[in-house]
Amino acid sequence: MSGEYIHCEQVYDYTAFIGSPEGIATMAQYLLKPDWLLPAIPEGVSYVHASLACCALGPSFGAFQAMRLSAFDTLLITGAGPVGLGAVVNARFRGARVIVAESVPWRVGRALAMGAECALDPGDDRMLH
């Protein structure tokens, strides 16, 4: 009812809409969606940047809004993949202190470059003391 279809309990029947289940998987290279679900991309915004709003930035944006995340909070992000890195951006935008748990060196470096205060390696035995 709020227009945030990603949270609907009774999702749209895509097979009935297009006559096939082809293109409904979330990890597919191309996804099919009814046009009324897709907002227009603003002039001057590339498809690459616009896609971030859906996958990398979208999940944490709504969560942090619901949590009322602010500069008074410290946030632990477990995993610095695309969604985790999007969470770093959204949390820092709100002024929150960010700690990341990640073991992949490239992702650790990227999280720190994007504003995480520190990164903890969950596989590091020294962290168990």
Protein backbone atom coordinates (compact mmCIF):
# COMPACT_ATOMS: atom_id res chain seq x y z
CA MET A 1 0.00 0.00 0.00
CA SER A 2 2.95 2.33 0.61
CA GLY A 3 4.30 1.74 -2.90
CA GLU A 4 7.29 -0.26 -1.71
CA TYR A 5 6.52 -3.46 -3.60
CA ILE A 6 9.72 -5.18 -2.46
CA HIS A 7 8.13 -5.65 0.98
CA CYS A 8 4.80 -7.10 -0.18
CA GLU A 9 3.79 -10.40 1.38
CA GLN A 10 1.73 -11.36 -1.68
CA VAL A 11 4.14 -10.72 -4.53
CA TYR A 12 3.10 -10.11 -8.10
CA ASP A 13 2.60 -13.29 -10.16
CA TYR A 14 5.23 -12.72 -12.88
CA THR A 15 4.54 -16.03 -14.59
CA ALA A 16 0.92 -15.01 -15.13
CA PHE A 17 2.04 -11.57 -16.28
CA ILE A 18 4.52 -12.72 -18.96
CA GLY A 19 3.39 -16.31 -19.54
CA SER A 20 6.70 -17.83 -18.44
CA PRO A 21 8.90 -18.00 -15.32
CA GLU A 22 11.86 -16.82 -17.44
CA GLY A 23 13.49 -13.68 -16.04
CA ILE A 24 12.14 -13.80 -12.48
CA ALA A 25 15.31 -15.03 -10.72
CA THR A 26 17.05 -12.38 -8.65
CA MET A 27 20.51 -13.49 -9.81
CA ALA A 28 19.61 -13.48 -13.51
CA GLN A 29 21.51 -11.20 -15.88
CA TYR A 30 18.23 -9.66 -17.01
CA LEU A 31 15.06 -9.36 -14.94
CA LEU A 32 11.55 -8.78 -16.18
CA LYS A 33 9.32 -6.40 -14.22
CA PRO A 34 6.02 -4.70 -15.02
CA ASP A 35 6.69 -1.14 -16.15
CA TRP A 36 4.61 0.33 -13.32
CA LEU A 37 7.21 -1.00 -10.86
CA LEU A 38 10.06 0.82 -12.58
CA PRO A 39 10.50 4.53 -11.90
CA ALA A 40 12.02 6.66 -14.65
CA ILE A 41 15.78 7.20 -14.37
CA PRO A 42 16.44 10.92 -13.94
CA GLU A 43 18.18 12.77 -16.76
CA GLY A 44 21.97 12.60 -16.38
CA VAL A 45 21.97 9.40 -14.27
CA SER A 46 23.54 6.37 -15.95
CA TYR A 47 21.97 2.90 -15.89
CA VAL A 48 24.95 1.71 -13.82
CA HIS A 49 24.40 4.36 -11.16
CA ALA A 50 20.63 3.93 -11.21
CA SER A 51 20.98 0.17 -10.66
CA LEU A 52 22.78 0.86 -7.39
CA ALA A 53 19.60 2.31 -5.92
CA CYS A 54 17.89 -1.04 -6.26
CA CYS A 55 20.52 -3.54 -5.20
CA ALA A 56 23.47 -1.97 -3.42
CA LEU A 57 21.87 1.05 -1.73
CA GLY A 58 18.18 0.20 -1.55
CA PRO A 59 18.09 -2.54 1.13
CA SER A 60 20.01 -0.62 3.77
CA PHE A 61 18.36 2.71 2.95
CA GLY A 62 14.95 1.44 3.96
CA ALA A 63 16.30 -0.46 6.96
CA PHE A 64 18.22 2.53 8.31
CA GLN A 65 15.21 4.75 7.79
CA ALA A 66 13.05 2.33 9.79
CA MET A 67 15.75 2.09 12.50
CA ARG A 68 16.13 5.88 12.57
CA LEU A 69 19.89 5.40 12.27
CA SER A 70 21.74 8.62 13.07
CA ALA A 71 25.06 10.13 14.07
CA PHE A 72 24.44 8.89 17.61
CA ASP A 73 24.66 5.24 16.50
CA THR A 74 27.42 2.72 15.88
CA LEU A 75 26.59 0.10 13.26
CA LEU A 76 28.17 -3.32 12.69
CA ILE A 77 27.96 -4.46 9.07
CA THR A 78 28.66 -8.16 8.65
CA GLY A 79 30.03 -8.60 5.17
CA ALA A 80 31.28 -5.98 2.75
CA GLY A 81 29.85 -7.31 -0.49
CA PRO A 82 27.74 -5.05 -2.72
CA VAL A 83 24.89 -4.72 -0.20
CA GLY A 84 27.28 -4.32 2.74
CA LEU A 85 29.25 -1.62 0.96
CA GLY A 86 25.99 0.12 0.12
CA ALA A 87 25.19 -0.03 3.83
CA VAL A 88 28.52 1.65 4.60
CA VAL A 89 27.59 4.51 2.26
CA ASN A 90 24.07 4.87 3.67
CA ALA A 91 25.26 4.70 7.29
CA ARG A 92 28.01 7.26 6.76
CA PHE A 93 25.55 9.52 4.94
CA ARG A 94 23.48 9.47 8.13
CA GLY A 95 26.60 10.18 10.20
CA ALA A 96 26.72 6.82 11.97
CA ARG A 97 29.99 5.21 13.08
CA VAL A 98 30.57 2.04 11.02
CA ILE A 99 32.41 -1.15 11.93
CA VAL A 100 32.69 -3.87 9.28
CA ALA A 101 33.28 -7.60 9.75
CA GLU A 102 34.93 -8.93 6.58
CA SER A 103 37.79 -11.27 5.70
CA VAL A 104 38.37 -10.48 2.00
CA PRO A 105 41.22 -7.91 1.82
CA TRP A 106 39.84 -6.04 -1.21
CA ARG A 107 36.45 -5.62 0.44
CA VAL A 108 38.08 -4.51 3.69
CA GLY A 109 40.04 -1.86 1.82
CA ARG A 110 36.97 -0.68 -0.06
CA ALA A 111 34.88 -0.48 3.14
CA LEU A 112 37.57 1.60 4.84
CA ALA A 113 37.90 3.86 1.80
CA MET A 114 34.12 4.39 1.85
CA GLY A 115 34.12 5.53 5.45
CA ALA A 116 34.09 2.51 7.76
CA GLU A 117 36.01 3.33 10.92
CA CYS A 118 37.50 -0.14 11.25
CA ALA A 119 37.24 -3.65 9.85
CA LEU A 120 37.36 -6.85 11.86
CA ASP A 121 38.41 -10.15 10.30
CA PRO A 122 36.09 -12.83 11.72
CA GLY A 123 38.68 -15.50 10.84
CA ASP A 124 41.43 -13.84 12.89
CA ASP A 125 41.98 -15.88 16.07
CA ARG A 126 43.29 -12.77 17.84
CA MET A 127 39.71 -11.41 17.76
CA LEU A 128 38.58 -14.23 20.09
CA HIS A 129 40.37 -12.89 23.17
